[in-house]
C-alpha cells in the first residue's frame, strides 16, 4: 500500500522522466501499449465537374451524331464554328449544354446533334466523374 508521502512518487511526479500512472519500478514488461492509428480519412467525394487535364483522363467520344446543315444557312452560304460549354455526366451523356459562340443560323442544328453525343466515362483516380468541357462543331459548305 502506498502512503500519502509516497503517492507523488508512485505517480511519477517527483521523478525526472516519470510518468503519471507509472510505478517506481518502471514499466515492467517493456514499452507502453500504443493506441491503434486512426483509420485513413474517407476518399473525398467529387460533386463538382472537373476540367480535363492533370490526373483527369481525356474524354473519349464514342458516338458522334453529325449535325444536319440547315437549308436556310446553306442558302445564305453561312458557315463557321459553333462553340459550346458542356458537362459530360459520369455515364458519358451531355448534361448541361450552353452556347458560347457561333453563327445564329447554325446553333440549333449543332445543339441538336451534340445533345445526342455519347462519351466513354471520364476517370479521375480510376473513378468516373462529371467533366466540364468545350465542344466545337465546325460547319463548312463542303458538307
Protein backbone atom coordinates (compact mmCIF):
# COMPACT_ATOMS: atom_id res chain seq x y z
CA UNK A 1 0.00 0.00 0.00
CA UNK A 2 1.24 3.48 -0.86
CA UNK A 3 1.26 6.11 1.87
CA UNK A 4 0.33 9.75 1.31
CA UNK A 5 4.01 10.70 1.30
CA UNK A 6 4.84 8.06 -1.32
CA UNK A 7 1.83 8.85 -3.53
CA UNK A 8 3.56 11.59 -5.59
CA UNK A 9 6.50 9.24 -6.22
CA UNK A 10 4.24 6.36 -7.19
CA UNK A 11 2.55 8.58 -9.75
CA UNK A 12 5.95 9.62 -11.15
CA UNK A 13 5.51 13.23 -10.03
CA UNK A 14 8.88 13.73 -8.37
CA UNK A 15 10.96 11.51 -10.63
CA UNK A 16 12.65 13.12 -13.65
CA UNK A 17 11.22 11.49 -16.74
CA UNK A 18 8.47 9.92 -14.62
CA UNK A 19 5.04 9.50 -15.96
CA UNK A 20 1.60 9.89 -14.36
CA UNK A 21 0.23 6.46 -13.64
CA UNK A 22 3.73 4.94 -13.68
CA UNK A 23 5.24 2.85 -10.92
CA UNK A 24 8.51 3.26 -9.09
CA UNK A 25 9.77 0.14 -10.85
CA UNK A 26 9.04 1.48 -14.31
CA UNK A 27 7.04 -0.37 -16.92
CA UNK A 28 7.67 -3.99 -16.23
CA UNK A 29 7.45 -5.94 -19.44
CA UNK A 30 8.53 -3.29 -21.93
CA UNK A 31 7.06 -0.38 -23.82
CA UNK A 32 3.67 1.09 -23.22
CA UNK A 33 0.94 -0.29 -25.44
CA UNK A 34 0.32 2.02 -28.38
CA UNK A 35 -3.14 3.05 -29.46
CA UNK A 36 -4.11 1.87 -32.94
CA UNK A 37 -3.56 4.55 -35.58
CA UNK A 38 -6.72 6.34 -36.68
CA UNK A 39 -8.38 4.96 -39.82
CA UNK A 40 -7.48 6.75 -43.05
CA UNK A 41 -9.82 9.58 -43.97
CA UNK A 42 -12.57 8.63 -46.43
CA UNK A 43 -11.92 9.30 -50.10
CA UNK A 44 -13.19 12.76 -50.97
CA UNK A 45 -16.38 12.64 -52.99
CA UNK A 46 -16.14 14.89 -56.01
CA UNK A 47 -19.50 16.54 -56.59
CA UNK A 48 -18.34 19.27 -58.95
CA UNK A 49 -17.44 18.72 -62.60
CA UNK A 50 -13.72 18.77 -63.28
CA UNK A 51 -11.86 20.18 -66.26
CA UNK A 52 -9.94 17.74 -68.41
CA UNK A 53 -6.19 17.84 -67.66
CA UNK A 54 -3.77 16.80 -64.90
CA UNK A 55 -4.88 13.48 -63.40
CA UNK A 56 -8.10 13.51 -65.43
CA UNK A 57 -8.28 11.12 -68.36
CA UNK A 58 -9.33 12.80 -71.61
CA UNK A 59 -12.99 12.26 -72.51
CA UNK A 60 -13.42 9.73 -75.33
CA UNK A 61 -16.22 10.39 -77.78
CA UNK A 62 -17.82 7.04 -78.66
CA UNK A 63 -20.94 8.20 -80.55
CA UNK A 64 -20.85 11.45 -82.52
CA UNK A 65 -24.01 12.45 -84.39
CA UNK A 66 -23.23 14.76 -87.32
CA UNK A 67 -25.39 17.89 -87.43
CA UNK A 68 -27.76 18.46 -90.33
CA UNK A 69 -26.74 21.59 -92.22
CA UNK A 70 -29.78 23.89 -92.01
CA UNK A 71 -31.14 24.63 -95.52
CA UNK A 72 -31.53 28.34 -94.72
CA UNK A 73 -27.90 28.56 -93.56
CA UNK A 74 -26.79 26.70 -96.70
CA UNK A 75 -28.80 29.06 -98.93
CA UNK A 76 -27.27 32.04 -97.10
CA UNK A 77 -23.82 30.43 -97.53
CA UNK A 78 -23.41 30.61 -93.73
CA UNK A 79 -20.50 28.60 -92.29
CA UNK A 80 -18.37 28.69 -89.15
CA UNK A 81 -17.74 27.12 -85.76
CA UNK A 82 -20.37 26.77 -83.05
CA UNK A 83 -18.74 26.58 -79.62
CA UNK A 84 -20.41 25.08 -76.53
CA UNK A 85 -19.58 24.66 -72.87
CA UNK A 86 -20.89 21.26 -71.74
CA UNK A 87 -20.98 18.95 -68.74
CA UNK A 88 -20.39 15.29 -69.51
CA UNK A 89 -22.06 13.10 -66.87
CA UNK A 90 -20.41 10.18 -65.06
CA UNK A 91 -22.27 7.93 -67.54
CA UNK A 92 -20.91 9.84 -70.57
CA UNK A 93 -24.02 11.78 -71.63
CA UNK A 94 -24.25 15.52 -72.30
CA UNK A 95 -25.97 17.12 -69.30
CA UNK A 96 -25.66 20.88 -69.48
CA UNK A 97 -25.08 22.44 -72.89
CA UNK A 98 -24.55 26.19 -73.18
CA UNK A 99 -23.77 28.12 -76.33
CA UNK A 100 -20.58 30.16 -76.14
CA UNK A 101 -20.43 31.47 -79.71
CA UNK A 102 -21.30 30.72 -83.31
CA UNK A 103 -23.34 31.82 -86.31
CA UNK A 104 -27.01 32.08 -85.22
CA UNK A 105 -28.32 30.05 -88.18
CA UNK A 106 -26.11 27.09 -87.18
CA UNK A 107 -26.51 26.99 -83.38
CA UNK A 108 -29.73 24.94 -83.14
CA UNK A 109 -28.56 22.27 -85.59
CA UNK A 110 -25.27 21.93 -83.71
CA UNK A 111 -27.06 21.75 -80.37
CA UNK A 112 -29.49 19.07 -81.58
CA UNK A 113 -26.57 16.90 -82.71
CA UNK A 114 -24.32 17.41 -79.68
CA UNK A 115 -27.11 16.53 -77.22
CA UNK A 116 -27.03 13.02 -78.71
CA UNK A 117 -23.26 12.54 -78.39
CA UNK A 118 -22.04 9.84 -76.01
CA UNK A 119 -18.67 9.63 -74.30
CA UNK A 120 -16.75 6.91 -72.54
CA UNK A 121 -16.95 7.89 -68.82
CA UNK A 122 -14.06 10.13 -67.79
CA UNK A 123 -11.93 8.85 -64.91
CA UNK A 124 -10.23 10.76 -62.11
CA UNK A 125 -8.08 8.45 -59.98
CA UNK A 126 -9.94 5.49 -61.55
CA UNK A 127 -13.37 6.85 -60.54
CA UNK A 128 -15.95 8.19 -63.07
CA UNK A 129 -16.55 11.94 -62.70
CA UNK A 130 -18.55 14.69 -64.36
CA UNK A 131 -16.42 16.76 -66.71
CA UNK A 132 -16.74 20.36 -67.82
CA UNK A 133 -15.53 20.65 -71.40
CA UNK A 134 -15.63 22.80 -74.52
CA UNK A 135 -17.16 21.35 -77.69
CA UNK A 136 -16.75 22.84 -81.15
CA UNK A 137 -18.89 21.94 -84.16
CA UNK A 138 -17.48 23.10 -87.48
CA UNK A 139 -19.83 23.82 -90.37
CA UNK A 140 -18.34 24.19 -93.84
CA UNK A 141 -20.24 24.42 -97.07
CA UNK A 142 -18.41 21.39 -98.43
CA UNK A 143 -20.55 19.22 -96.08
